[in-house]
Amino acid sequence: HGLPHNPFNAIVTPRPIGWISTRGADGHENLAP
């Protein structure tokens, strides 16, 4: 694109944020947006 930063995700906006919580088979948990 020749721009300082990629414009793609600035075009497809606004986007809701899914704050995903998970748990592994060993019980360990994770949380990430």
PDB file of all heavy atoms in Angstrom:
ATOM      1  N   HIS A   1       0.797  -1.228   0.000  1.00  0.00           N
ATOM      2  CA  HIS A   1       0.000   0.000   0.000  1.00  0.00           C
ATOM      3  C   HIS A   1       0.826   1.272   0.000  1.00  0.00           C
ATOM      4  O   HIS A   1       0.324   2.342  -0.320  1.00  0.00           O
ATOM      5  CB  HIS A   1      -0.934   0.016   1.225  1.00  0.00           C
ATOM      6  CG  HIS A   1      -0.258  -0.355   2.499  1.00  0.00           C
ATOM      7  ND1 HIS A   1       0.616   0.470   3.153  1.00  0.00           N
ATOM      8  CD2 HIS A   1      -0.310  -1.507   3.225  1.00  0.00           C
ATOM      9  CE1 HIS A   1       1.071  -0.135   4.249  1.00  0.00           C
ATOM     10  NE2 HIS A   1       0.533  -1.341   4.316  1.00  0.00           N
ATOM     11  N   GLY A   2       2.071   1.207   0.384  1.00  0.00           N
ATOM     12  CA  GLY A   2       2.927   2.379   0.370  1.00  0.00           C
ATOM     13  C   GLY A   2       2.646   3.393   1.459  1.00  0.00           C
ATOM     14  O   GLY A   2       3.220   4.491   1.459  1.00  0.00           O
ATOM     15  N   LEU A   3       1.800   3.057   2.405  1.00  0.00           N
ATOM     16  CA  LEU A   3       1.465   3.953   3.507  1.00  0.00           C
ATOM     17  C   LEU A   3       2.283   3.576   4.748  1.00  0.00           C
ATOM     18  O   LEU A   3       2.823   2.465   4.828  1.00  0.00           O
ATOM     19  CB  LEU A   3      -0.035   3.870   3.807  1.00  0.00           C
ATOM     20  CG  LEU A   3      -0.962   4.286   2.659  1.00  0.00           C
ATOM     21  CD1 LEU A   3      -2.415   3.975   3.014  1.00  0.00           C
ATOM     22  CD2 LEU A   3      -0.794   5.761   2.320  1.00  0.00           C
ATOM     23  N   PRO A   4       2.351   4.473   5.734  1.00  0.00           N
ATOM     24  CA  PRO A   4       3.139   4.155   6.939  1.00  0.00           C
ATOM     25  C   PRO A   4       2.648   2.921   7.685  1.00  0.00           C
ATOM     26  O   PRO A   4       3.428   2.205   8.311  1.00  0.00           O
ATOM     27  CB  PRO A   4       2.997   5.414   7.802  1.00  0.00           C
ATOM     28  CG  PRO A   4       2.660   6.503   6.849  1.00  0.00           C
ATOM     29  CD  PRO A   4       1.854   5.862   5.761  1.00  0.00           C
ATOM     30  N   HIS A   5       1.325   2.682   7.650  1.00  0.00           N
ATOM     31  CA  HIS A   5       0.733   1.527   8.330  1.00  0.00           C
ATOM     32  C   HIS A   5      -0.353   0.935   7.447  1.00  0.00           C
ATOM     33  O   HIS A   5      -0.988   1.641   6.656  1.00  0.00           O
ATOM     34  CB  HIS A   5       0.143   1.931   9.685  1.00  0.00           C
ATOM     35  CG  HIS A   5       1.141   2.542  10.615  1.00  0.00           C
ATOM     36  ND1 HIS A   5       2.055   1.785  11.323  1.00  0.00           N
ATOM     37  CD2 HIS A   5       1.374   3.829  10.945  1.00  0.00           C
ATOM     38  CE1 HIS A   5       2.808   2.589  12.051  1.00  0.00           C
ATOM     39  NE2 HIS A   5       2.420   3.836  11.839  1.00  0.00           N
ATOM     40  N   ASN A   6      -0.596  -0.347   7.613  1.00  0.00           N
ATOM     41  CA  ASN A   6      -1.604  -1.045   6.812  1.00  0.00           C
ATOM     42  C   ASN A   6      -2.994  -0.451   7.072  1.00  0.00           C
ATOM     43  O   ASN A   6      -3.461  -0.449   8.213  1.00  0.00           O
ATOM     44  CB  ASN A   6      -1.593  -2.530   7.174  1.00  0.00           C
ATOM     45  CG  ASN A   6      -2.434  -3.369   6.242  1.00  0.00           C
ATOM     46  OD1 ASN A   6      -3.283  -2.865   5.514  1.00  0.00           O
ATOM     47  ND2 ASN A   6      -2.213  -4.666   6.265  1.00  0.00           N
ATOM     48  N   PRO A   7      -3.682   0.043   6.028  1.00  0.00           N
ATOM     49  CA  PRO A   7      -4.993   0.662   6.233  1.00  0.00           C
ATOM     50  C   PRO A   7      -6.152  -0.325   6.310  1.00  0.00           C
ATOM     51  O   PRO A   7      -7.273   0.066   6.637  1.00  0.00           O
ATOM     52  CB  PRO A   7      -5.146   1.550   4.993  1.00  0.00           C
ATOM     53  CG  PRO A   7      -4.426   0.795   3.921  1.00  0.00           C
ATOM     54  CD  PRO A   7      -3.241   0.156   4.620  1.00  0.00           C
ATOM     55  N   PHE A   8      -5.917  -1.611   6.035  1.00  0.00           N
ATOM     56  CA  PHE A   8      -7.027  -2.550   5.905  1.00  0.00           C
ATOM     57  C   PHE A   8      -7.925  -2.583   7.127  1.00  0.00           C
ATOM     58  O   PHE A   8      -9.132  -2.408   7.042  1.00  0.00           O
ATOM     59  CB  PHE A   8      -6.496  -3.958   5.608  1.00  0.00           C
ATOM     60  CG  PHE A   8      -7.573  -5.012   5.622  1.00  0.00           C
ATOM     61  CD1 PHE A   8      -8.541  -5.062   4.637  1.00  0.00           C
ATOM     62  CD2 PHE A   8      -7.638  -5.955   6.646  1.00  0.00           C
ATOM     63  CE1 PHE A   8      -9.541  -6.027   4.651  1.00  0.00           C
ATOM     64  CE2 PHE A   8      -8.627  -6.911   6.671  1.00  0.00           C
ATOM     65  CZ  PHE A   8      -9.583  -6.949   5.666  1.00  0.00           C
ATOM     66  N   ASN A   9      -7.342  -2.807   8.324  1.00  0.00           N
ATOM     67  CA  ASN A   9      -8.211  -2.930   9.492  1.00  0.00           C
ATOM     68  C   ASN A   9      -8.709  -1.585   9.998  1.00  0.00           C
ATOM     69  O   ASN A   9      -9.559  -1.520  10.886  1.00  0.00           O
ATOM     70  CB  ASN A   9      -7.556  -3.757  10.603  1.00  0.00           C
ATOM     71  CG  ASN A   9      -6.335  -3.088  11.205  1.00  0.00           C
ATOM     72  OD1 ASN A   9      -5.846  -2.087  10.691  1.00  0.00           O
ATOM     73  ND2 ASN A   9      -5.836  -3.649  12.285  1.00  0.00           N
ATOM     74  N   ALA A  10      -8.209  -0.469   9.422  1.00  0.00           N
ATOM     75  CA  ALA A  10      -8.788   0.836   9.727  1.00  0.00           C
ATOM     76  C   ALA A  10      -9.993   1.125   8.843  1.00  0.00           C
ATOM     77  O   ALA A  10     -10.784   2.023   9.137  1.00  0.00           O
ATOM     78  CB  ALA A  10      -7.733   1.934   9.539  1.00  0.00           C
ATOM     79  N   ILE A  11     -10.139   0.368   7.760  1.00  0.00           N
ATOM     80  CA  ILE A  11     -11.289   0.523   6.863  1.00  0.00           C
ATOM     81  C   ILE A  11     -12.483  -0.265   7.392  1.00  0.00           C
ATOM     82  O   ILE A  11     -13.611   0.227   7.406  1.00  0.00           O
ATOM     83  CB  ILE A  11     -10.919   0.050   5.443  1.00  0.00           C
ATOM     84  CG1 ILE A  11      -9.848   0.971   4.839  1.00  0.00           C
ATOM     85  CG2 ILE A  11     -12.150   0.008   4.549  1.00  0.00           C
ATOM     86  CD1 ILE A  11      -9.232   0.439   3.550  1.00  0.00           C
ATOM     87  N   VAL A  12     -12.229  -1.493   7.831  1.00  0.00           N
ATOM     88  CA  VAL A  12     -13.310  -2.361   8.315  1.00  0.00           C
ATOM     89  C   VAL A  12     -13.512  -2.078   9.799  1.00  0.00           C
ATOM     90  O   VAL A  12     -13.003  -2.793  10.671  1.00  0.00           O
ATOM     91  CB  VAL A  12     -12.980  -3.841   8.058  1.00  0.00           C
ATOM     92  CG1 VAL A  12     -14.166  -4.725   8.457  1.00  0.00           C
ATOM     93  CG2 VAL A  12     -12.617  -4.068   6.602  1.00  0.00           C
ATOM     94  N   THR A  13     -14.237  -0.991  10.089  1.00  0.00           N
ATOM     95  CA  THR A  13     -14.434  -0.566  11.470  1.00  0.00           C
ATOM     96  C   THR A  13     -15.834   0.006  11.650  1.00  0.00           C
ATOM     97  O   THR A  13     -16.461   0.408  10.668  1.00  0.00           O
ATOM     98  CB  THR A  13     -13.419   0.533  11.863  1.00  0.00           C
ATOM     99  OG1 THR A  13     -13.568   1.656  10.991  1.00  0.00           O
ATOM    100  CG2 THR A  13     -11.995   0.021  11.785  1.00  0.00           C
ATOM    101  N   PRO A  14     -16.330   0.086  12.873  1.00  0.00           N
ATOM    102  CA  PRO A  14     -15.735  -0.488  14.089  1.00  0.00           C
ATOM    103  C   PRO A  14     -15.997  -1.979  14.159  1.00  0.00           C
ATOM    104  O   PRO A  14     -16.980  -2.475  13.598  1.00  0.00           O
ATOM    105  CB  PRO A  14     -16.460   0.259  15.207  1.00  0.00           C
ATOM    106  CG  PRO A  14     -17.812   0.539  14.629  1.00  0.00           C
ATOM    107  CD  PRO A  14     -17.584   0.795  13.158  1.00  0.00           C
ATOM    108  N   ARG A  15     -15.143  -2.689  14.861  1.00  0.00           N
ATOM    109  CA  ARG A  15     -15.319  -4.126  15.033  1.00  0.00           C
ATOM    110  C   ARG A  15     -15.542  -4.425  16.508  1.00  0.00           C
ATOM    111  O   ARG A  15     -14.809  -3.917  17.369  1.00  0.00           O
ATOM    112  CB  ARG A  15     -14.074  -4.882  14.536  1.00  0.00           C
ATOM    113  CG  ARG A  15     -13.796  -4.673  13.052  1.00  0.00           C
ATOM    114  CD  ARG A  15     -12.665  -5.587  12.554  1.00  0.00           C
ATOM    115  NE  ARG A  15     -11.454  -5.475  13.340  1.00  0.00           N
ATOM    116  CZ  ARG A  15     -10.533  -4.520  13.177  1.00  0.00           C
ATOM    117  NH1 ARG A  15     -10.715  -3.564  12.282  1.00  0.00           N
ATOM    118  NH2 ARG A  15      -9.437  -4.517  13.914  1.00  0.00           N
ATOM    119  N   PRO A  16     -16.538  -5.257  16.830  1.00  0.00           N
ATOM    120  CA  PRO A  16     -16.706  -5.649  18.230  1.00  0.00           C
ATOM    121  C   PRO A  16     -15.514  -6.471  18.687  1.00  0.00           C
ATOM    122  O   PRO A  16     -14.807  -7.078  17.875  1.00  0.00           O
ATOM    123  CB  PRO A  16     -17.997  -6.479  18.225  1.00  0.00           C
ATOM    124  CG  PRO A  16     -18.096  -7.000  16.831  1.00  0.00           C
ATOM    125  CD  PRO A  16     -17.505  -5.935  15.949  1.00  0.00           C
ATOM    126  N   ILE A  17     -15.282  -6.476  19.978  1.00  0.00           N
ATOM    127  CA  ILE A  17     -14.156  -7.228  20.542  1.00  0.00           C
ATOM    128  C   ILE A  17     -14.692  -8.447  21.276  1.00  0.00           C
ATOM    129  O   ILE A  17     -15.523  -8.325  22.180  1.00  0.00           O
ATOM    130  CB  ILE A  17     -13.344  -6.344  21.506  1.00  0.00           C
ATOM    131  CG1 ILE A  17     -12.785  -5.130  20.752  1.00  0.00           C
ATOM    132  CG2 ILE A  17     -12.212  -7.151  22.149  1.00  0.00           C
ATOM    133  CD1 ILE A  17     -12.197  -4.081  21.660  1.00  0.00           C
ATOM    134  N   GLY A  18     -14.237  -9.600  20.861  1.00  0.00           N
ATOM    135  CA  GLY A  18     -14.554 -10.825  21.575  1.00  0.00           C
ATOM    136  C   GLY A  18     -13.440 -11.117  22.559  1.00  0.00           C
ATOM    137  O   GLY A  18     -12.305 -11.393  22.163  1.00  0.00           O
ATOM    138  N   TRP A  19     -13.736 -11.023  23.842  1.00  0.00           N
ATOM    139  CA  TRP A  19     -12.746 -11.270  24.896  1.00  0.00           C
ATOM    140  C   TRP A  19     -12.876 -12.745  25.230  1.00  0.00           C
ATOM    141  O   TRP A  19     -13.761 -13.155  25.993  1.00  0.00           O
ATOM    142  CB  TRP A  19     -13.081 -10.390  26.082  1.00  0.00           C
ATOM    143  CG  TRP A  19     -11.950 -10.027  26.974  1.00  0.00           C
ATOM    144  CD1 TRP A  19     -10.624 -10.278  26.819  1.00  0.00           C
ATOM    145  CD2 TRP A  19     -12.080  -9.297  28.205  1.00  0.00           C
ATOM    146  NE1 TRP A  19      -9.918  -9.753  27.878  1.00  0.00           N
ATOM    147  CE2 TRP A  19     -10.779  -9.145  28.728  1.00  0.00           C
ATOM    148  CE3 TRP A  19     -13.162  -8.757  28.901  1.00  0.00           C
ATOM    149  CZ2 TRP A  19     -10.543  -8.486  29.930  1.00  0.00           C
ATOM    150  CZ3 TRP A  19     -12.922  -8.098  30.079  1.00  0.00           C
ATOM    151  CH2 TRP A  19     -11.627  -7.963  30.592  1.00  0.00           C
ATOM    152  N   ILE A  20     -12.015 -13.566  24.653  1.00  0.00           N
ATOM    153  CA  ILE A  20     -12.199 -15.010  24.659  1.00  0.00           C
ATOM    154  C   ILE A  20     -11.528 -15.648  25.873  1.00  0.00           C
ATOM    155  O   ILE A  20     -10.308 -15.549  26.060  1.00  0.00           O
ATOM    156  CB  ILE A  20     -11.613 -15.635  23.373  1.00  0.00           C
ATOM    157  CG1 ILE A  20     -12.144 -14.917  22.118  1.00  0.00           C
ATOM    158  CG2 ILE A  20     -11.914 -17.127  23.323  1.00  0.00           C
ATOM    159  CD1 ILE A  20     -13.639 -14.985  21.928  1.00  0.00           C
ATOM    160  N   SER A  21     -12.336 -16.309  26.694  1.00  0.00           N
ATOM    161  CA  SER A  21     -11.776 -17.073  27.812  1.00  0.00           C
ATOM    162  C   SER A  21     -11.829 -18.557  27.463  1.00  0.00           C
ATOM    163  O   SER A  21     -12.792 -19.045  26.871  1.00  0.00           O
ATOM    164  CB  SER A  21     -12.514 -16.778  29.127  1.00  0.00           C
ATOM    165  OG  SER A  21     -13.906 -16.961  29.011  1.00  0.00           O
ATOM    166  N   THR A  22     -10.736 -19.250  27.835  1.00  0.00           N
ATOM    167  CA  THR A  22     -10.607 -20.667  27.515  1.00  0.00           C
ATOM    168  C   THR A  22      -9.987 -21.399  28.696  1.00  0.00           C
ATOM    169  O   THR A  22      -9.391 -20.791  29.581  1.00  0.00           O
ATOM    170  CB  THR A  22      -9.702 -20.866  26.271  1.00  0.00           C
ATOM    171  OG1 THR A  22      -8.491 -20.129  26.446  1.00  0.00           O
ATOM    172  CG2 THR A  22     -10.400 -20.406  25.004  1.00  0.00           C
ATOM    173  N   ARG A  23     -10.141 -22.710  28.675  1.00  0.00           N
ATOM    174  CA  ARG A  23      -9.529 -23.561  29.708  1.00  0.00           C
ATOM    175  C   ARG A  23      -8.962 -24.794  29.034  1.00  0.00           C
ATOM    176  O   ARG A  23      -9.640 -25.440  28.225  1.00  0.00           O
ATOM    177  CB  ARG A  23     -10.566 -23.971  30.752  1.00  0.00           C
ATOM    178  CG  ARG A  23     -10.001 -24.911  31.826  1.00  0.00           C
ATOM    179  CD  ARG A  23     -11.068 -25.352  32.808  1.00  0.00           C
ATOM    180  NE  ARG A  23     -11.506 -24.232  33.639  1.00  0.00           N
ATOM    181  CZ  ARG A  23     -12.573 -24.260  34.428  1.00  0.00           C
ATOM    182  NH1 ARG A  23     -13.331 -25.352  34.465  1.00  0.00           N
ATOM    183  NH2 ARG A  23     -12.908 -23.213  35.155  1.00  0.00           N
ATOM    184  N   GLY A  24      -7.713 -25.119  29.360  1.00  0.00           N
ATOM    185  CA  GLY A  24      -7.083 -26.296  28.789  1.00  0.00           C
ATOM    186  C   GLY A  24      -7.499 -27.571  29.501  1.00  0.00           C
ATOM    187  O   GLY A  24      -8.162 -27.548  30.541  1.00  0.00           O
ATOM    188  N   ALA A  25      -7.093 -28.687  28.947  1.00  0.00           N
ATOM    189  CA  ALA A  25      -7.422 -29.987  29.537  1.00  0.00           C
ATOM    190  C   ALA A  25      -6.834 -30.125  30.935  1.00  0.00           C
ATOM    191  O   ALA A  25      -7.380 -30.854  31.765  1.00  0.00           O
ATOM    192  CB  ALA A  25      -6.919 -31.102  28.630  1.00  0.00           C
ATOM    193  N   ASP A  26      -5.734 -29.410  31.224  1.00  0.00           N
ATOM    194  CA  ASP A  26      -5.112 -29.483  32.544  1.00  0.00           C
ATOM    195  C   ASP A  26      -5.675 -28.467  33.525  1.00  0.00           C
ATOM    196  O   ASP A  26      -5.203 -28.351  34.656  1.00  0.00           O
ATOM    197  CB  ASP A  26      -3.597 -29.283  32.416  1.00  0.00           C
ATOM    198  CG  ASP A  26      -3.223 -27.897  31.874  1.00  0.00           C
ATOM    199  OD1 ASP A  26      -4.136 -27.109  31.536  1.00  0.00           O
ATOM    200  OD2 ASP A  26      -2.012 -27.617  31.778  1.00  0.00           O
ATOM    201  N   GLY A  27      -6.701 -27.694  33.093  1.00  0.00           N
ATOM    202  CA  GLY A  27      -7.328 -26.715  33.970  1.00  0.00           C
ATOM    203  C   GLY A  27      -6.774 -25.315  33.839  1.00  0.00           C
ATOM    204  O   GLY A  27      -7.331 -24.364  34.402  1.00  0.00           O
ATOM    205  N   HIS A  28      -5.652 -25.157  33.126  1.00  0.00           N
ATOM    206  CA  HIS A  28      -5.074 -23.812  32.940  1.00  0.00           C
ATOM    207  C   HIS A  28      -6.030 -22.946  32.133  1.00  0.00           C
ATOM    208  O   HIS A  28      -6.627 -23.397  31.157  1.00  0.00           O
ATOM    209  CB  HIS A  28      -3.738 -23.911  32.218  1.00  0.00           C
ATOM    210  CG  HIS A  28      -3.205 -22.570  31.796  1.00  0.00           C
ATOM    211  ND1 HIS A  28      -2.636 -21.690  32.687  1.00  0.00           N
ATOM    212  CD2 HIS A  28      -3.194 -21.951  30.592  1.00  0.00           C
ATOM    213  CE1 HIS A  28      -2.281 -20.593  32.043  1.00  0.00           C
ATOM    214  NE2 HIS A  28      -2.603 -20.728  30.781  1.00  0.00           N
ATOM    215  N   GLU A  29      -6.164 -21.671  32.543  1.00  0.00           N
ATOM    216  CA  GLU A  29      -7.099 -20.779  31.855  1.00  0.00           C
ATOM    217  C   GLU A  29      -6.372 -19.625  31.173  1.00  0.00           C
ATOM    218  O   GLU A  29      -5.269 -19.224  31.558  1.00  0.00           O
ATOM    219  CB  GLU A  29      -8.142 -20.254  32.838  1.00  0.00           C
ATOM    220  CG  GLU A  29      -9.022 -21.379  33.355  1.00  0.00           C
ATOM    221  CD  GLU A  29     -10.268 -20.900  34.065  1.00  0.00           C
ATOM    222  OE1 GLU A  29     -10.145 -20.051  34.959  1.00  0.00           O
ATOM    223  OE2 GLU A  29     -11.354 -21.400  33.718  1.00  0.00           O
ATOM    224  N   ASN A  30      -7.020 -19.101  30.145  1.00  0.00           N
ATOM    225  CA  ASN A  30      -6.464 -18.023  29.346  1.00  0.00           C
ATOM    226  C   ASN A  30      -7.588 -17.032  29.030  1.00  0.00           C
ATOM    227  O   ASN A  30      -8.758 -17.392  28.957  1.00  0.00           O
ATOM    228  CB  ASN A  30      -5.892 -18.597  28.047  1.00  0.00           C
ATOM    229  CG  ASN A  30      -5.160 -17.557  27.229  1.00  0.00           C
ATOM    230  OD1 ASN A  30      -4.032 -17.205  27.534  1.00  0.00           O
ATOM    231  ND2 ASN A  30      -5.802 -17.040  26.201  1.00  0.00           N
ATOM    232  N   LEU A  31      -7.189 -15.775  28.832  1.00  0.00           N
ATOM    233  CA  LEU A  31      -8.144 -14.726  28.478  1.00  0.00           C
ATOM    234  C   LEU A  31      -7.451 -13.769  27.525  1.00  0.00           C
ATOM    235  O   LEU A  31      -6.393 -13.222  27.857  1.00  0.00           O
ATOM    236  CB  LEU A  31      -8.606 -13.985  29.742  1.00  0.00           C
ATOM    237  CG  LEU A  31      -9.606 -12.844  29.570  1.00  0.00           C
ATOM    238  CD1 LEU A  31     -10.932 -13.351  29.010  1.00  0.00           C
ATOM    239  CD2 LEU A  31      -9.821 -12.134  30.915  1.00  0.00           C
ATOM    240  N   ALA A  32      -8.036 -13.557  26.338  1.00  0.00           N
ATOM    241  CA  ALA A  32      -7.397 -12.707  25.333  1.00  0.00           C
ATOM    242  C   ALA A  32      -8.450 -12.067  24.432  1.00  0.00           C
ATOM    243  O   ALA A  32      -9.456 -12.692  24.107  1.00  0.00           O
ATOM    244  CB  ALA A  32      -6.416 -13.524  24.494  1.00  0.00           C
ATOM    245  N   PRO A  33      -8.234 -10.804  24.021  1.00  0.00           N
ATOM    246  CA  PRO A  33      -9.185 -10.118  23.146  1.00  0.00           C
ATOM    247  C   PRO A  33      -8.890 -10.360  21.668  1.00  0.00           C
ATOM    248  O   PRO A  33      -7.728 -10.400  21.253  1.00  0.00           O
ATOM    249  CB  PRO A  33      -8.969  -8.640  23.501  1.00  0.00           C
ATOM    250  CG  PRO A  33      -7.518  -8.562  23.889  1.00  0.00           C
ATOM    251  CD  PRO A  33      -7.170  -9.893  24.501  1.00  0.00           C
TER     252      PRO A  33
END
